[in-house]
Amino acid sequence: MSALSRGAARGAAPDTEGTRARPARDGIRDALAVIAAYVPFGLALGATLAATSVDPVVAWSSSFLVFAGAAQLVAVQLLDDGALPVIVVLTALVVNSRHLLYSASLAVHTRDWSRGWRAGGAYFLADPVYALAIARFEGREREDGAARLRYYVAMALTCWGGWLLLTAAGILLGGLLPATLPLELAAPLTFLLLLIPTLKSRATWAAAVAAGGTATLAAPLPLGLGLLLAAAVGMAAGAITERMSHA
């Protein structure tokens, strides 16, 4: 290759600090927007944790152990009711079992990561982290594994830190929040808005509609089983629609 050709190649794909830092900046920016939307839910959850008989410091520290609002709330409430630790752990696992679907969905986009990075990334795989990651990865299929990793780490750490601050603020300020505010709607509405841009085909729309309808009908089921049923129905609907479109 001539010097001119090498120079052109370098010019077409410059390996600069700015280029390497861009995915991280994007991740922080996207995460801050989600944190802002999650303020009501984080404060409400913190206030709910403070209202239990569990020591507030212990309740808040569960945010480090379980980066998932629903499972965290269920676990603390079970401890408040005097449930056995094994019941608390098993219940939290059932509530968080939907994360298995998240990780399976992201697996194809993270195959270039080392086993250690994939294991670390699994810890941060909360609902908003998944929604931001899948939207980024599917929207930029040509982005390499290293850039995806920088985006994911920056975005996930920002979401995690923001969540810790929000739940701490909720525990400290819980008594000041009006009881009439429907704060519990903040998280699902935010998640819905994050997922809408990923609905790009008949199969994804079929999966979303089927899963949403099932989740609504199965909402009374205990331990988050309605979500698992909705996920199964949604995947089946998406797979059937995809197969019919190629028939």
C-alpha atoms as a PDB file:
ATOM      1  CA  MET A   1       0.000   0.000   0.000  1.00  0.00           C
ATOM      2  CA  SER A   2       1.368   3.407  -0.908  1.00  0.00           C
ATOM      3  CA  ALA A   3       1.866   6.199   1.589  1.00  0.00           C
ATOM      4  CA  LEU A   4      -1.039   8.043  -0.019  1.00  0.00           C
ATOM      5  CA  SER A   5      -3.313   5.019   0.371  1.00  0.00           C
ATOM      6  CA  ARG A   6      -2.292   4.558   3.981  1.00  0.00           C
ATOM      7  CA  GLY A   7      -2.959   8.213   4.629  1.00  0.00           C
ATOM      8  CA  ALA A   8      -6.400   7.964   3.016  1.00  0.00           C
ATOM      9  CA  ALA A   9      -7.233   4.932   5.136  1.00  0.00           C
ATOM     10  CA  ARG A  10      -6.190   6.739   8.268  1.00  0.00           C
ATOM     11  CA  GLY A  11      -8.213   9.768   7.231  1.00  0.00           C
ATOM     12  CA  ALA A  12     -11.320   7.661   6.615  1.00  0.00           C
ATOM     13  CA  ALA A  13     -11.241   6.086  10.082  1.00  0.00           C
ATOM     14  CA  PRO A  14      -9.255   8.297  12.449  1.00  0.00           C
ATOM     15  CA  ASP A  15      -8.445   6.650  15.766  1.00  0.00           C
ATOM     16  CA  THR A  16      -8.561   9.768  17.915  1.00  0.00           C
ATOM     17  CA  GLU A  17      -9.445  10.310  21.532  1.00  0.00           C
ATOM     18  CA  GLY A  18     -12.572  12.161  20.395  1.00  0.00           C
ATOM     19  CA  THR A  19     -13.729   9.235  18.266  1.00  0.00           C
ATOM     20  CA  ARG A  20     -13.144   6.745  21.071  1.00  0.00           C
ATOM     21  CA  ALA A  21     -14.885   8.956  23.635  1.00  0.00           C
ATOM     22  CA  ARG A  22     -17.997   9.626  21.536  1.00  0.00           C
ATOM     23  CA  PRO A  23     -19.870   6.396  22.462  1.00  0.00           C
ATOM     24  CA  ALA A  24     -19.228   7.078  26.158  1.00  0.00           C
ATOM     25  CA  ARG A  25     -20.540  10.631  25.832  1.00  0.00           C
ATOM     26  CA  ASP A  26     -23.609   9.326  24.024  1.00  0.00           C
ATOM     27  CA  GLY A  27     -24.175   6.803  26.799  1.00  0.00           C
ATOM     28  CA  ILE A  28     -24.007   9.419  29.528  1.00  0.00           C
ATOM     29  CA  ARG A  29     -26.315  11.743  27.597  1.00  0.00           C
ATOM     30  CA  ASP A  30     -28.918   9.038  26.985  1.00  0.00           C
ATOM     31  CA  ALA A  31     -28.776   7.863  30.600  1.00  0.00           C
ATOM     32  CA  LEU A  32     -29.263  11.361  32.010  1.00  0.00           C
ATOM     33  CA  ALA A  33     -32.460  11.716  29.991  1.00  0.00           C
ATOM     34  CA  VAL A  34     -33.774   8.448  31.453  1.00  0.00           C
ATOM     35  CA  ILE A  35     -32.784   9.433  34.986  1.00  0.00           C
ATOM     36  CA  ALA A  36     -34.757  12.655  34.623  1.00  0.00           C
ATOM     37  CA  ALA A  37     -37.816  10.670  33.566  1.00  0.00           C
ATOM     38  CA  TYR A  38     -37.318   8.201  36.424  1.00  0.00           C
ATOM     39  CA  VAL A  39     -37.273  10.858  39.147  1.00  0.00           C
ATOM     40  CA  PRO A  40     -40.918  10.288  40.221  1.00  0.00           C
ATOM     41  CA  PHE A  41     -40.556   6.504  40.344  1.00  0.00           C
ATOM     42  CA  GLY A  42     -37.237   6.595  42.192  1.00  0.00           C
ATOM     43  CA  LEU A  43     -38.579   8.991  44.790  1.00  0.00           C
ATOM     44  CA  ALA A  44     -41.755   6.953  45.203  1.00  0.00           C
ATOM     45  CA  LEU A  45     -39.841   3.721  45.655  1.00  0.00           C
ATOM     46  CA  GLY A  46     -37.508   5.320  48.187  1.00  0.00           C
ATOM     47  CA  ALA A  47     -40.475   6.651  50.119  1.00  0.00           C
ATOM     48  CA  THR A  48     -42.087   3.218  50.109  1.00  0.00           C
ATOM     49  CA  LEU A  49     -38.887   1.627  51.404  1.00  0.00           C
ATOM     50  CA  ALA A  50     -38.705   4.202  54.193  1.00  0.00           C
ATOM     51  CA  ALA A  51     -42.271   3.370  55.252  1.00  0.00           C
ATOM     52  CA  THR A  52     -41.360  -0.231  56.110  1.00  0.00           C
ATOM     53  CA  SER A  53     -39.932  -1.431  59.409  1.00  0.00           C
ATOM     54  CA  VAL A  54     -36.640  -2.304  57.703  1.00  0.00           C
ATOM     55  CA  ASP A  55     -33.778  -0.003  58.677  1.00  0.00           C
ATOM     56  CA  PRO A  56     -33.596   2.794  56.058  1.00  0.00           C
ATOM     57  CA  VAL A  57     -29.873   2.232  55.512  1.00  0.00           C
ATOM     58  CA  VAL A  58     -30.463  -1.482  54.928  1.00  0.00           C
ATOM     59  CA  ALA A  59     -33.382  -0.727  52.620  1.00  0.00           C
ATOM     60  CA  TRP A  60     -31.323   1.738  50.592  1.00  0.00           C
ATOM     61  CA  SER A  61     -28.297  -0.558  50.436  1.00  0.00           C
ATOM     62  CA  SER A  62     -30.461  -3.093  48.625  1.00  0.00           C
ATOM     63  CA  SER A  63     -30.062  -0.782  45.620  1.00  0.00           C
ATOM     64  CA  PHE A  64     -26.463  -2.008  45.399  1.00  0.00           C
ATOM     65  CA  LEU A  65     -27.469  -5.659  45.570  1.00  0.00           C
ATOM     66  CA  VAL A  66     -30.485  -5.521  43.261  1.00  0.00           C
ATOM     67  CA  PHE A  67     -30.387  -2.963  40.464  1.00  0.00           C
ATOM     68  CA  ALA A  68     -34.072  -3.459  39.674  1.00  0.00           C
ATOM     69  CA  GLY A  69     -36.806  -1.407  41.290  1.00  0.00           C
ATOM     70  CA  ALA A  70     -39.588  -4.005  41.283  1.00  0.00           C
ATOM     71  CA  ALA A  71     -37.460  -6.791  42.766  1.00  0.00           C
ATOM     72  CA  GLN A  72     -35.950  -4.406  45.300  1.00  0.00           C
ATOM     73  CA  LEU A  73     -39.367  -3.260  46.469  1.00  0.00           C
ATOM     74  CA  VAL A  74     -40.729  -6.803  46.718  1.00  0.00           C
ATOM     75  CA  ALA A  75     -37.669  -7.996  48.644  1.00  0.00           C
ATOM     76  CA  VAL A  76     -37.829  -5.206  51.220  1.00  0.00           C
ATOM     77  CA  GLN A  77     -41.574  -5.616  51.674  1.00  0.00           C
ATOM     78  CA  LEU A  78     -41.159  -9.352  52.247  1.00  0.00           C
ATOM     79  CA  LEU A  79     -38.455  -8.647  54.832  1.00  0.00           C
ATOM     80  CA  ASP A  80     -40.854  -6.183  56.445  1.00  0.00           C
ATOM     81  CA  ASP A  81     -43.457  -8.975  56.654  1.00  0.00           C
ATOM     82  CA  GLY A  82     -40.953 -11.323  58.293  1.00  0.00           C
ATOM     83  CA  ALA A  83     -40.504 -13.691  55.357  1.00  0.00           C
ATOM     84  CA  LEU A  84     -37.649 -16.201  55.396  1.00  0.00           C
ATOM     85  CA  PRO A  85     -34.518 -15.097  53.509  1.00  0.00           C
ATOM     86  CA  VAL A  86     -34.828 -17.996  51.073  1.00  0.00           C
ATOM     87  CA  ILE A  87     -38.348 -16.847  50.164  1.00  0.00           C
ATOM     88  CA  VAL A  88     -37.104 -13.297  49.645  1.00  0.00           C
ATOM     89  CA  VAL A  89     -34.311 -14.440  47.330  1.00  0.00           C
ATOM     90  CA  LEU A  90     -36.495 -16.812  45.307  1.00  0.00           C
ATOM     91  CA  THR A  91     -39.197 -14.186  44.895  1.00  0.00           C
ATOM     92  CA  ALA A  92     -36.695 -11.598  43.698  1.00  0.00           C
ATOM     93  CA  LEU A  93     -35.329 -14.117  41.193  1.00  0.00           C
ATOM     94  CA  VAL A  94     -38.810 -14.781  39.808  1.00  0.00           C
ATOM     95  CA  VAL A  95     -39.587 -11.079  39.509  1.00  0.00           C
ATOM     96  CA  ASN A  96     -36.275 -10.483  37.728  1.00  0.00           C
ATOM     97  CA  SER A  97     -36.480 -13.527  35.467  1.00  0.00           C
ATOM     98  CA  ARG A  98     -37.475 -11.289  32.556  1.00  0.00           C
ATOM     99  CA  HIS A  99     -33.839 -10.190  32.498  1.00  0.00           C
ATOM    100  CA  LEU A 100     -33.013 -13.574  30.982  1.00  0.00           C
ATOM    101  CA  LEU A 101     -34.906 -12.428  27.909  1.00  0.00           C
ATOM    102  CA  TYR A 102     -33.028  -9.131  27.923  1.00  0.00           C
ATOM    103  CA  SER A 103     -29.648 -10.835  28.010  1.00  0.00           C
ATOM    104  CA  ALA A 104     -30.617 -13.253  25.250  1.00  0.00           C
ATOM    105  CA  SER A 105     -31.688 -10.332  23.093  1.00  0.00           C
ATOM    106  CA  LEU A 106     -28.387  -8.511  23.633  1.00  0.00           C
ATOM    107  CA  ALA A 107     -26.155 -11.580  23.258  1.00  0.00           C
ATOM    108  CA  VAL A 108     -25.679 -11.193  19.507  1.00  0.00           C
ATOM    109  CA  HIS A 109     -24.531  -7.593  20.003  1.00  0.00           C
ATOM    110  CA  THR A 110     -22.038  -8.365  22.788  1.00  0.00           C
ATOM    111  CA  ARG A 111     -20.331 -11.454  21.410  1.00  0.00           C
ATOM    112  CA  ASP A 112     -17.101  -9.490  20.900  1.00  0.00           C
ATOM    113  CA  TRP A 113     -16.897  -8.626  24.613  1.00  0.00           C
ATOM    114  CA  SER A 114     -14.799 -10.707  26.962  1.00  0.00           C
ATOM    115  CA  ARG A 115     -16.514 -13.031  29.407  1.00  0.00           C
ATOM    116  CA  GLY A 116     -15.644 -10.679  32.260  1.00  0.00           C
ATOM    117  CA  TRP A 117     -17.250  -7.669  30.595  1.00  0.00           C
ATOM    118  CA  ARG A 118     -20.371  -9.663  29.740  1.00  0.00           C
ATOM    119  CA  ALA A 119     -20.666 -10.831  33.345  1.00  0.00           C
ATOM    120  CA  GLY A 120     -20.217  -7.299  34.642  1.00  0.00           C
ATOM    121  CA  GLY A 121     -22.703  -5.963  32.135  1.00  0.00           C
ATOM    122  CA  ALA A 122     -25.305  -8.467  33.317  1.00  0.00           C
ATOM    123  CA  TYR A 123     -25.336  -6.834  36.757  1.00  0.00           C
ATOM    124  CA  PHE A 124     -26.430  -3.507  35.260  1.00  0.00           C
ATOM    125  CA  LEU A 125     -29.088  -4.955  32.943  1.00  0.00           C
ATOM    126  CA  ALA A 126     -32.106  -3.136  34.365  1.00  0.00           C
ATOM    127  CA  ASP A 127     -35.148  -2.192  32.272  1.00  0.00           C
ATOM    128  CA  PRO A 128     -33.946   1.252  31.116  1.00  0.00           C
ATOM    129  CA  VAL A 129     -30.408  -0.012  30.509  1.00  0.00           C
ATOM    130  CA  TYR A 130     -31.743  -2.731  28.232  1.00  0.00           C
ATOM    131  CA  ALA A 131     -34.039  -0.323  26.376  1.00  0.00           C
ATOM    132  CA  LEU A 132     -31.217   2.141  25.704  1.00  0.00           C
ATOM    133  CA  ALA A 133     -28.739  -0.592  24.778  1.00  0.00           C
ATOM    134  CA  ILE A 134     -30.972  -2.447  22.332  1.00  0.00           C
ATOM    135  CA  ALA A 135     -32.031   0.800  20.648  1.00  0.00           C
ATOM    136  CA  ARG A 136     -28.376   1.820  20.221  1.00  0.00           C
ATOM    137  CA  PHE A 137     -27.075  -1.556  19.091  1.00  0.00           C
ATOM    138  CA  GLU A 138     -29.837  -2.234  16.571  1.00  0.00           C
ATOM    139  CA  GLY A 139     -29.688   1.325  15.273  1.00  0.00           C
ATOM    140  CA  ARG A 140     -25.912   1.158  14.692  1.00  0.00           C
ATOM    141  CA  GLU A 141     -25.234  -2.351  13.480  1.00  0.00           C
ATOM    142  CA  ARG A 142     -21.862  -1.353  12.005  1.00  0.00           C
ATOM    143  CA  GLU A 143     -20.528  -0.083  15.328  1.00  0.00           C
ATOM    144  CA  ASP A 144     -17.751  -2.343  16.589  1.00  0.00           C
ATOM    145  CA  GLY A 145     -17.756  -4.250  19.860  1.00  0.00           C
ATOM    146  CA  ALA A 146     -15.347  -1.869  21.591  1.00  0.00           C
ATOM    147  CA  ALA A 147     -17.532   1.159  20.830  1.00  0.00           C
ATOM    148  CA  ARG A 148     -20.611  -0.709  22.024  1.00  0.00           C
ATOM    149  CA  LEU A 149     -18.837  -1.601  25.234  1.00  0.00           C
ATOM    150  CA  ARG A 150     -17.839   2.018  25.886  1.00  0.00           C
ATOM    151  CA  TYR A 151     -21.415   3.133  25.304  1.00  0.00           C
ATOM    152  CA  TYR A 152     -22.865   0.438  27.534  1.00  0.00           C
ATOM    153  CA  VAL A 153     -20.468   0.971  30.441  1.00  0.00           C
ATOM    154  CA  ALA A 154     -20.914   4.753  30.471  1.00  0.00           C
ATOM    155  CA  MET A 155     -24.674   4.533  30.109  1.00  0.00           C
ATOM    156  CA  ALA A 156     -25.136   1.745  32.684  1.00  0.00           C
ATOM    157  CA  LEU A 157     -22.917   3.371  35.319  1.00  0.00           C
ATOM    158  CA  THR A 158     -24.762   6.659  34.897  1.00  0.00           C
ATOM    159  CA  CYS A 159     -28.160   4.972  35.256  1.00  0.00           C
ATOM    160  CA  TRP A 160     -26.931   3.040  38.282  1.00  0.00           C
ATOM    161  CA  GLY A 161     -25.523   6.092  40.038  1.00  0.00           C
ATOM    162  CA  GLY A 162     -28.655   8.092  39.316  1.00  0.00           C
ATOM    163  CA  TRP A 163     -30.838   5.309  40.697  1.00  0.00           C
ATOM    164  CA  LEU A 164     -28.874   5.224  43.945  1.00  0.00           C
ATOM    165  CA  LEU A 165     -29.282   8.968  44.349  1.00  0.00           C
ATOM    166  CA  LEU A 166     -33.000   8.880  43.551  1.00  0.00           C
ATOM    167  CA  THR A 167     -33.830   6.112  46.019  1.00  0.00           C
ATOM    168  CA  ALA A 168     -31.738   7.835  48.701  1.00  0.00           C
ATOM    169  CA  ALA A 169     -33.618  11.072  48.100  1.00  0.00           C
ATOM    170  CA  GLY A 170     -36.925   9.216  48.270  1.00  0.00           C
ATOM    171  CA  ILE A 171     -36.021   7.702  51.643  1.00  0.00           C
ATOM    172  CA  LEU A 172     -35.004  11.084  53.011  1.00  0.00           C
ATOM    173  CA  LEU A 173     -37.890  13.090  51.530  1.00  0.00           C
ATOM    174  CA  GLY A 174     -40.603  10.435  51.393  1.00  0.00           C
ATOM    175  CA  GLY A 175     -42.874  12.106  53.906  1.00  0.00           C
ATOM    176  CA  LEU A 176     -43.040  15.259  51.779  1.00  0.00           C
ATOM    177  CA  LEU A 177     -44.421  13.584  48.636  1.00  0.00           C
ATOM    178  CA  PRO A 178     -48.209  13.928  48.094  1.00  0.00           C
ATOM    179  CA  ALA A 179     -49.906  10.543  48.386  1.00  0.00           C
ATOM    180  CA  THR A 180     -52.236  11.397  45.486  1.00  0.00           C
ATOM    181  CA  LEU A 181     -49.480  11.553  42.867  1.00  0.00           C
ATOM    182  CA  PRO A 182     -49.510   8.441  40.615  1.00  0.00           C
ATOM    183  CA  LEU A 183     -45.728   8.143  40.784  1.00  0.00           C
ATOM    184  CA  GLU A 184     -45.798   4.417  40.129  1.00  0.00           C
ATOM    185  CA  LEU A 185     -46.723   5.111  36.503  1.00  0.00           C
ATOM    186  CA  ALA A 186     -43.464   6.919  35.782  1.00  0.00           C
ATOM    187  CA  ALA A 187     -41.321   3.811  35.240  1.00  0.00           C
ATOM    188  CA  PRO A 188     -43.613   1.836  32.864  1.00  0.00           C
ATOM    189  CA  LEU A 189     -44.427   4.950  30.828  1.00  0.00           C
ATOM    190  CA  THR A 190     -40.752   5.812  30.468  1.00  0.00           C
ATOM    191  CA  PHE A 191     -39.917   2.242  29.473  1.00  0.00           C
ATOM    192  CA  LEU A 192     -42.707   2.305  26.898  1.00  0.00           C
ATOM    193  CA  LEU A 193     -41.400   5.513  25.345  1.00  0.00           C
ATOM    194  CA  LEU A 194     -37.915   4.013  25.131  1.00  0.00           C
ATOM    195  CA  LEU A 195     -39.146   0.876  23.374  1.00  0.00           C
ATOM    196  CA  ILE A 196     -41.446   2.467  20.806  1.00  0.00           C
ATOM    197  CA  PRO A 197     -38.575   3.433  18.439  1.00  0.00           C
ATOM    198  CA  THR A 198     -37.473  -0.237  18.325  1.00  0.00           C
ATOM    199  CA  LEU A 199     -40.792  -1.353  16.784  1.00  0.00           C
ATOM    200  CA  LYS A 200     -39.724  -1.417  13.151  1.00  0.00           C
ATOM    201  CA  SER A 201     -41.499  -4.438  11.647  1.00  0.00           C
ATOM    202  CA  ARG A 202     -44.750  -6.369  11.711  1.00  0.00           C
ATOM    203  CA  ALA A 203     -43.156  -9.001  13.904  1.00  0.00           C
ATOM    204  CA  THR A 204     -42.041  -6.513  16.558  1.00  0.00           C
ATOM    205  CA  TRP A 205     -45.436  -4.800  16.543  1.00  0.00           C
ATOM    206  CA  ALA A 206     -47.214  -8.153  16.839  1.00  0.00           C
ATOM    207  CA  ALA A 207     -44.972  -9.104  19.750  1.00  0.00           C
ATOM    208  CA  ALA A 208     -45.551  -5.764  21.479  1.00  0.00           C
ATOM    209  CA  VAL A 209     -49.336  -5.827  21.088  1.00  0.00           C
ATOM    210  CA  ALA A 210     -49.638  -9.463  22.162  1.00  0.00           C
ATOM    211  CA  ALA A 211     -47.336  -8.988  25.142  1.00  0.00           C
ATOM    212  CA  GLY A 212     -49.030  -5.755  26.203  1.00  0.00           C
ATOM    213  CA  GLY A 213     -52.505  -7.269  26.060  1.00  0.00           C
ATOM    214  CA  THR A 214     -51.416 -10.366  27.943  1.00  0.00           C
ATOM    215  CA  ALA A 215     -49.638  -8.319  30.608  1.00  0.00           C
ATOM    216  CA  THR A 216     -52.798  -6.280  31.175  1.00  0.00           C
ATOM    217  CA  LEU A 217     -55.008  -9.344  31.506  1.00  0.00           C
ATOM    218  CA  ALA A 218     -52.495 -11.253  33.640  1.00  0.00           C
ATOM    219  CA  ALA A 219     -51.638  -8.346  35.940  1.00  0.00           C
ATOM    220  CA  PRO A 220     -53.396  -9.931  38.983  1.00  0.00           C
ATOM    221  CA  LEU A 221     -51.031 -12.928  38.925  1.00  0.00           C
ATOM    222  CA  PRO A 222     -48.580 -12.939  41.853  1.00  0.00           C
ATOM    223  CA  LEU A 223     -44.775 -12.651  41.833  1.00  0.00           C
ATOM    224  CA  GLY A 224     -44.609 -10.989  38.448  1.00  0.00           C
ATOM    225  CA  LEU A 225     -45.795 -14.143  36.685  1.00  0.00           C
ATOM    226  CA  GLY A 226     -47.955 -11.992  34.435  1.00  0.00           C
ATOM    227  CA  LEU A 227     -44.813 -10.469  32.940  1.00  0.00           C
ATOM    228  CA  LEU A 228     -43.339 -13.883  32.217  1.00  0.00           C
ATOM    229  CA  LEU A 229     -46.552 -15.027  30.555  1.00  0.00           C
ATOM    230  CA  ALA A 230     -46.704 -11.808  28.540  1.00  0.00           C
ATOM    231  CA  ALA A 231     -43.114 -12.265  27.411  1.00  0.00           C
ATOM    232  CA  ALA A 232     -43.814 -15.830  26.267  1.00  0.00           C
ATOM    233  CA  VAL A 233     -46.938 -14.808  24.363  1.00  0.00           C
ATOM    234  CA  GLY A 234     -45.146 -11.833  22.813  1.00  0.00           C
ATOM    235  CA  MET A 235     -42.225 -13.954  21.615  1.00  0.00           C
ATOM    236  CA  ALA A 236     -44.590 -16.526  20.160  1.00  0.00           C
ATOM    237  CA  ALA A 237     -46.610 -13.849  18.359  1.00  0.00           C
ATOM    238  CA  GLY A 238     -43.458 -12.259  16.968  1.00  0.00           C
ATOM    239  CA  ALA A 239     -42.043 -15.587  15.800  1.00  0.00           C
ATOM    240  CA  ILE A 240     -45.306 -16.619  14.110  1.00  0.00           C
ATOM    241  CA  THR A 241     -45.640 -13.241  12.371  1.00  0.00           C
ATOM    242  CA  GLU A 242     -42.032 -13.392  11.189  1.00  0.00           C
ATOM    243  CA  ARG A 243     -42.522 -16.895   9.818  1.00  0.00           C
ATOM    244  CA  MET A 244     -45.732 -15.914   8.016  1.00  0.00           C
ATOM    245  CA  SER A 245     -44.033 -12.904   6.421  1.00  0.00           C
ATOM    246  CA  HIS A 246     -41.390 -15.193   4.870  1.00  0.00           C
ATOM    247  CA  ALA A 247     -43.818 -17.925   3.826  1.00  0.00           C
END
